[in-house]
Amino acid sequence: MTCILLHNRKKYLRRVYHCGDYIYKEWFKQPWQNLTYSKLIDQIELIRRVDSTYILGHGENTKVFWIKMRIIEGQSGWECKWDSFFVKKIVNFIINHYESFYVIYHGDPALSNIIMSEENTPQYIDYDNIQKNENKIQVLKHIESKCIEAFKKKKYVKIIKDLCHAY
């Protein structure tokens, strides 16, 4: 099977490939790097608590740590038509996801990490920043800031703030 390179993040020493029916991500081992296989296993366990079918495999060799992930079909949040309804749907999804899996937080609720299914249902991808965080105020501030940064239009700021402050 031929894999197609999707991302080569030299800064993070990470590559992402599309390999037919799965995504393959690898991190190059470096002595100064903060990632260890043990930390990757901890992240995988958090991911499996959120979506037990997402991780298809994982491992390491002398050069890299790697994971194999299920492809989530749909359209990136960046590619969707933005209106007030969509903004509310995304912000509510992010907040409700944290509430549903409390204390597990995705950690990077960017539009590029949210896929909209054919049924128009949002789903996360790219769990590189998944974490445990019991501080709801801190998480809601992070969600608010990431959503304002993502949508960038002033007309959506009030909607985002109102939704984040309602929790």
C-alpha atoms as a PDB file:
ATOM      1  CA  MET A   1       0.000   0.000   0.000  1.00  0.00           C
ATOM      2  CA  THR A   2       1.258   3.472  -0.857  1.00  0.00           C
ATOM      3  CA  CYS A   3       0.992   6.185   1.745  1.00  0.00           C
ATOM      4  CA  ILE A   4       0.670   9.865   0.871  1.00  0.00           C
ATOM      5  CA  LEU A   5       2.455  12.419   3.048  1.00  0.00           C
ATOM      6  CA  LEU A   6      -0.103  14.923   4.369  1.00  0.00           C
ATOM      7  CA  HIS A   7       1.995  16.910   6.878  1.00  0.00           C
ATOM      8  CA  ASN A   8       5.702  17.107   7.529  1.00  0.00           C
ATOM      9  CA  ARG A   9       6.045  19.255  10.646  1.00  0.00           C
ATOM     10  CA  LYS A  10       9.792  19.583  10.983  1.00  0.00           C
ATOM     11  CA  LYS A  11       9.428  21.950  13.938  1.00  0.00           C
ATOM     12  CA  TYR A  12       7.627  19.202  15.869  1.00  0.00           C
ATOM     13  CA  LEU A  13       9.524  16.314  14.213  1.00  0.00           C
ATOM     14  CA  ARG A  14       6.200  14.796  13.156  1.00  0.00           C
ATOM     15  CA  ARG A  15       4.838  13.367   9.918  1.00  0.00           C
ATOM     16  CA  VAL A  16       1.278  12.415   9.009  1.00  0.00           C
ATOM     17  CA  TYR A  17       0.379  10.039   6.163  1.00  0.00           C
ATOM     18  CA  HIS A  18      -2.858   8.970   4.499  1.00  0.00           C
ATOM     19  CA  CYS A  19      -2.524   5.209   3.935  1.00  0.00           C
ATOM     20  CA  GLY A  20      -5.632   3.983   2.150  1.00  0.00           C
ATOM     21  CA  ASP A  21      -8.144   3.323   4.917  1.00  0.00           C
ATOM     22  CA  TYR A  22      -6.181   4.773   7.842  1.00  0.00           C
ATOM     23  CA  ILE A  23      -4.009   7.706   8.955  1.00  0.00           C
ATOM     24  CA  TYR A  24      -0.461   7.015  10.154  1.00  0.00           C
ATOM     25  CA  LYS A  25       1.315   9.563  12.373  1.00  0.00           C
ATOM     26  CA  GLU A  26       4.902   9.331  13.539  1.00  0.00           C
ATOM     27  CA  TRP A  27       7.062  11.380  15.889  1.00  0.00           C
ATOM     28  CA  PHE A  28      10.834  11.205  15.547  1.00  0.00           C
ATOM     29  CA  LYS A  29      12.649  10.423  18.778  1.00  0.00           C
ATOM     30  CA  GLN A  30      14.974  13.137  20.037  1.00  0.00           C
ATOM     31  CA  PRO A  31      16.834  13.250  23.373  1.00  0.00           C
ATOM     32  CA  TRP A  32      15.510  16.770  24.120  1.00  0.00           C
ATOM     33  CA  GLN A  33      11.954  15.949  23.076  1.00  0.00           C
ATOM     34  CA  ASN A  34       9.223  15.978  25.710  1.00  0.00           C
ATOM     35  CA  LEU A  35       7.360  13.016  24.160  1.00  0.00           C
ATOM     36  CA  THR A  36       8.115   9.508  25.415  1.00  0.00           C
ATOM     37  CA  TYR A  37       6.415   6.257  24.513  1.00  0.00           C
ATOM     38  CA  SER A  38       4.983   6.140  28.022  1.00  0.00           C
ATOM     39  CA  LYS A  39       3.373   9.594  27.506  1.00  0.00           C
ATOM     40  CA  LEU A  40       2.032   8.476  24.127  1.00  0.00           C
ATOM     41  CA  ILE A  41       0.444   5.416  25.786  1.00  0.00           C
ATOM     42  CA  ASP A  42      -1.157   7.718  28.398  1.00  0.00           C
ATOM     43  CA  GLN A  43      -2.612   9.863  25.590  1.00  0.00           C
ATOM     44  CA  ILE A  44      -3.870   6.774  23.746  1.00  0.00           C
ATOM     45  CA  GLU A  45      -5.684   5.624  26.890  1.00  0.00           C
ATOM     46  CA  LEU A  46      -7.420   9.018  27.143  1.00  0.00           C
ATOM     47  CA  ILE A  47      -8.359   8.880  23.450  1.00  0.00           C
ATOM     48  CA  ARG A  48      -9.793   5.390  23.881  1.00  0.00           C
ATOM     49  CA  ARG A  49     -11.967   6.635  26.743  1.00  0.00           C
ATOM     50  CA  VAL A  50     -13.404   9.252  24.367  1.00  0.00           C
ATOM     51  CA  ASP A  51     -13.538   7.098  21.180  1.00  0.00           C
ATOM     52  CA  SER A  52     -12.668   3.426  21.545  1.00  0.00           C
ATOM     53  CA  THR A  53     -12.515   2.906  17.759  1.00  0.00           C
ATOM     54  CA  TYR A  54     -10.199   5.793  16.794  1.00  0.00           C
ATOM     55  CA  ILE A  55      -6.765   4.244  17.495  1.00  0.00           C
ATOM     56  CA  LEU A  56      -6.104   1.187  15.322  1.00  0.00           C
ATOM     57  CA  GLY A  57      -2.563   0.515  16.499  1.00  0.00           C
ATOM     58  CA  HIS A  58       0.566   2.048  17.979  1.00  0.00           C
ATOM     59  CA  GLY A  59       4.200   1.255  18.559  1.00  0.00           C
ATOM     60  CA  GLU A  60       7.761   2.399  18.455  1.00  0.00           C
ATOM     61  CA  ASN A  61      11.035   1.481  16.840  1.00  0.00           C
ATOM     62  CA  THR A  62      14.541   2.917  17.156  1.00  0.00           C
ATOM     63  CA  LYS A  63      13.623   6.110  15.259  1.00  0.00           C
ATOM     64  CA  VAL A  64       9.947   6.897  15.859  1.00  0.00           C
ATOM     65  CA  PHE A  65       6.824   6.533  17.971  1.00  0.00           C
ATOM     66  CA  TRP A  66       3.778   5.920  15.789  1.00  0.00           C
ATOM     67  CA  ILE A  67       0.010   5.562  15.850  1.00  0.00           C
ATOM     68  CA  LYS A  68      -2.429   4.311  13.255  1.00  0.00           C
ATOM     69  CA  MET A  69      -5.849   5.994  13.325  1.00  0.00           C
ATOM     70  CA  ARG A  70      -9.242   5.426  11.769  1.00  0.00           C
ATOM     71  CA  ILE A  71     -10.178   7.940   9.093  1.00  0.00           C
ATOM     72  CA  ILE A  72     -13.107  10.158  10.081  1.00  0.00           C
ATOM     73  CA  GLU A  73     -15.148  10.835   6.950  1.00  0.00           C
ATOM     74  CA  GLY A  74     -16.537  14.301   6.389  1.00  0.00           C
ATOM     75  CA  GLN A  75     -15.630  17.905   5.828  1.00  0.00           C
ATOM     76  CA  SER A  76     -13.220  20.013   7.867  1.00  0.00           C
ATOM     77  CA  GLY A  77     -14.804  22.738   9.977  1.00  0.00           C
ATOM     78  CA  TRP A  78     -12.764  25.227   7.933  1.00  0.00           C
ATOM     79  CA  GLU A  79     -14.592  24.191   4.771  1.00  0.00           C
ATOM     80  CA  CYS A  80     -18.133  24.546   6.116  1.00  0.00           C
ATOM     81  CA  LYS A  81     -20.429  27.510   5.593  1.00  0.00           C
ATOM     82  CA  TRP A  82     -20.113  29.745   8.631  1.00  0.00           C
ATOM     83  CA  ASP A  83     -23.193  31.359  10.070  1.00  0.00           C
ATOM     84  CA  SER A  84     -24.534  31.911  13.580  1.00  0.00           C
ATOM     85  CA  PHE A  85     -26.120  28.451  13.626  1.00  0.00           C
ATOM     86  CA  PHE A  86     -22.807  26.765  12.688  1.00  0.00           C
ATOM     87  CA  VAL A  87     -20.846  28.772  15.273  1.00  0.00           C
ATOM     88  CA  LYS A  88     -23.312  27.776  18.003  1.00  0.00           C
ATOM     89  CA  LYS A  89     -23.195  24.140  16.891  1.00  0.00           C
ATOM     90  CA  ILE A  90     -19.383  24.028  17.038  1.00  0.00           C
ATOM     91  CA  VAL A  91     -19.027  25.865  20.356  1.00  0.00           C
ATOM     92  CA  ASN A  92     -21.749  23.707  21.934  1.00  0.00           C
ATOM     93  CA  PHE A  93     -20.050  20.573  20.574  1.00  0.00           C
ATOM     94  CA  ILE A  94     -16.709  21.568  22.121  1.00  0.00           C
ATOM     95  CA  ILE A  95     -18.233  22.434  25.494  1.00  0.00           C
ATOM     96  CA  ASN A  96     -20.521  19.387  25.559  1.00  0.00           C
ATOM     97  CA  HIS A  97     -17.638  17.091  24.610  1.00  0.00           C
ATOM     98  CA  TYR A  98     -15.659  18.322  27.610  1.00  0.00           C
ATOM     99  CA  GLU A  99     -18.728  18.035  29.863  1.00  0.00           C
ATOM    100  CA  SER A 100     -19.487  14.512  28.598  1.00  0.00           C
ATOM    101  CA  PHE A 101     -15.964  13.225  29.154  1.00  0.00           C
ATOM    102  CA  TYR A 102     -15.038  15.428  32.122  1.00  0.00           C
ATOM    103  CA  VAL A 103     -12.017  15.582  33.062  1.00  0.00           C
ATOM    104  CA  ILE A 104     -10.739  14.718  29.577  1.00  0.00           C
ATOM    105  CA  TYR A 105     -10.254  17.736  27.310  1.00  0.00           C
ATOM    106  CA  HIS A 106      -9.278  17.570  23.625  1.00  0.00           C
ATOM    107  CA  GLY A 107      -6.856  20.436  24.178  1.00  0.00           C
ATOM    108  CA  ASP A 108      -6.917  21.924  20.659  1.00  0.00           C
ATOM    109  CA  PRO A 109     -10.495  22.637  19.573  1.00  0.00           C
ATOM    110  CA  ALA A 110      -9.458  24.292  16.299  1.00  0.00           C
ATOM    111  CA  LEU A 111     -11.749  24.048  13.275  1.00  0.00           C
ATOM    112  CA  SER A 112      -9.060  22.015  11.522  1.00  0.00           C
ATOM    113  CA  ASN A 113      -9.488  19.375  14.257  1.00  0.00           C
ATOM    114  CA  ILE A 114     -13.257  19.064  13.818  1.00  0.00           C
ATOM    115  CA  ILE A 115     -14.830  17.056  11.019  1.00  0.00           C
ATOM    116  CA  MET A 116     -18.478  17.495  10.060  1.00  0.00           C
ATOM    117  CA  SER A 117     -20.107  14.217   9.005  1.00  0.00           C
ATOM    118  CA  GLU A 118     -22.607  13.879   6.172  1.00  0.00           C
ATOM    119  CA  GLU A 119     -25.292  14.088   8.887  1.00  0.00           C
ATOM    120  CA  ASN A 120     -23.766  17.458   9.884  1.00  0.00           C
ATOM    121  CA  THR A 121     -22.513  16.062  13.198  1.00  0.00           C
ATOM    122  CA  PRO A 122     -19.148  17.346  14.469  1.00  0.00           C
ATOM    123  CA  GLN A 123     -16.429  14.933  15.524  1.00  0.00           C
ATOM    124  CA  TYR A 124     -12.887  15.542  16.764  1.00  0.00           C
ATOM    125  CA  ILE A 125      -9.722  14.373  15.071  1.00  0.00           C
ATOM    126  CA  ASP A 126      -6.065  14.976  15.973  1.00  0.00           C
ATOM    127  CA  TYR A 127      -5.841  14.336  19.692  1.00  0.00           C
ATOM    128  CA  ASP A 128      -2.183  15.405  20.067  1.00  0.00           C
ATOM    129  CA  ASN A 129      -3.057  17.752  22.939  1.00  0.00           C
ATOM    130  CA  ILE A 130      -5.538  15.547  24.794  1.00  0.00           C
ATOM    131  CA  GLN A 131      -5.234  15.995  28.538  1.00  0.00           C
ATOM    132  CA  LYS A 132      -6.902  15.669  31.880  1.00  0.00           C
ATOM    133  CA  ASN A 133      -8.040  19.036  33.180  1.00  0.00           C
ATOM    134  CA  GLU A 134     -10.428  19.380  36.115  1.00  0.00           C
ATOM    135  CA  ASN A 135     -10.383  23.193  36.007  1.00  0.00           C
ATOM    136  CA  LYS A 136     -13.622  23.978  34.153  1.00  0.00           C
ATOM    137  CA  ILE A 137     -13.026  27.734  34.261  1.00  0.00           C
ATOM    138  CA  GLN A 138      -9.593  27.343  32.676  1.00  0.00           C
ATOM    139  CA  VAL A 139     -10.945  24.996  29.991  1.00  0.00           C
ATOM    140  CA  LEU A 140     -13.891  27.281  29.173  1.00  0.00           C
ATOM    141  CA  LYS A 141     -11.533  30.258  28.855  1.00  0.00           C
ATOM    142  CA  HIS A 142      -9.366  28.199  26.502  1.00  0.00           C
ATOM    143  CA  ILE A 143     -12.415  27.141  24.467  1.00  0.00           C
ATOM    144  CA  GLU A 144     -13.603  30.760  24.284  1.00  0.00           C
ATOM    145  CA  SER A 145     -10.206  32.030  23.162  1.00  0.00           C
ATOM    146  CA  LYS A 146      -9.701  29.244  20.564  1.00  0.00           C
ATOM    147  CA  CYS A 147     -13.193  29.766  19.120  1.00  0.00           C
ATOM    148  CA  ILE A 148     -12.800  33.540  18.902  1.00  0.00           C
ATOM    149  CA  GLU A 149      -9.411  32.996  17.237  1.00  0.00           C
ATOM    150  CA  ALA A 150     -10.919  30.464  14.804  1.00  0.00           C
ATOM    151  CA  PHE A 151     -13.987  32.373  13.706  1.00  0.00           C
ATOM    152  CA  LYS A 152     -12.298  35.817  13.752  1.00  0.00           C
ATOM    153  CA  LYS A 153     -15.470  37.747  12.902  1.00  0.00           C
ATOM    154  CA  LYS A 154     -16.688  40.232  15.489  1.00  0.00           C
ATOM    155  CA  LYS A 155     -20.309  39.253  14.944  1.00  0.00           C
ATOM    156  CA  TYR A 156     -19.541  35.784  16.389  1.00  0.00           C
ATOM    157  CA  VAL A 157     -17.636  36.940  19.487  1.00  0.00           C
ATOM    158  CA  LYS A 158     -20.799  37.641  21.522  1.00  0.00           C
ATOM    159  CA  ILE A 159     -22.282  34.239  20.602  1.00  0.00           C
ATOM    160  CA  ILE A 160     -19.080  32.474  21.652  1.00  0.00           C
ATOM    161  CA  LYS A 161     -18.751  34.399  24.910  1.00  0.00           C
ATOM    162  CA  ASP A 162     -22.408  33.904  25.815  1.00  0.00           C
ATOM    163  CA  LEU A 163     -22.168  30.139  25.263  1.00  0.00           C
ATOM    164  CA  CYS A 164     -18.908  29.798  27.211  1.00  0.00           C
ATOM    165  CA  HIS A 165     -20.170  31.927  30.107  1.00  0.00           C
ATOM    166  CA  ALA A 166     -23.446  29.992  30.314  1.00  0.00           C
ATOM    167  CA  TYR A 167     -21.648  26.931  31.702  1.00  0.00           C
END
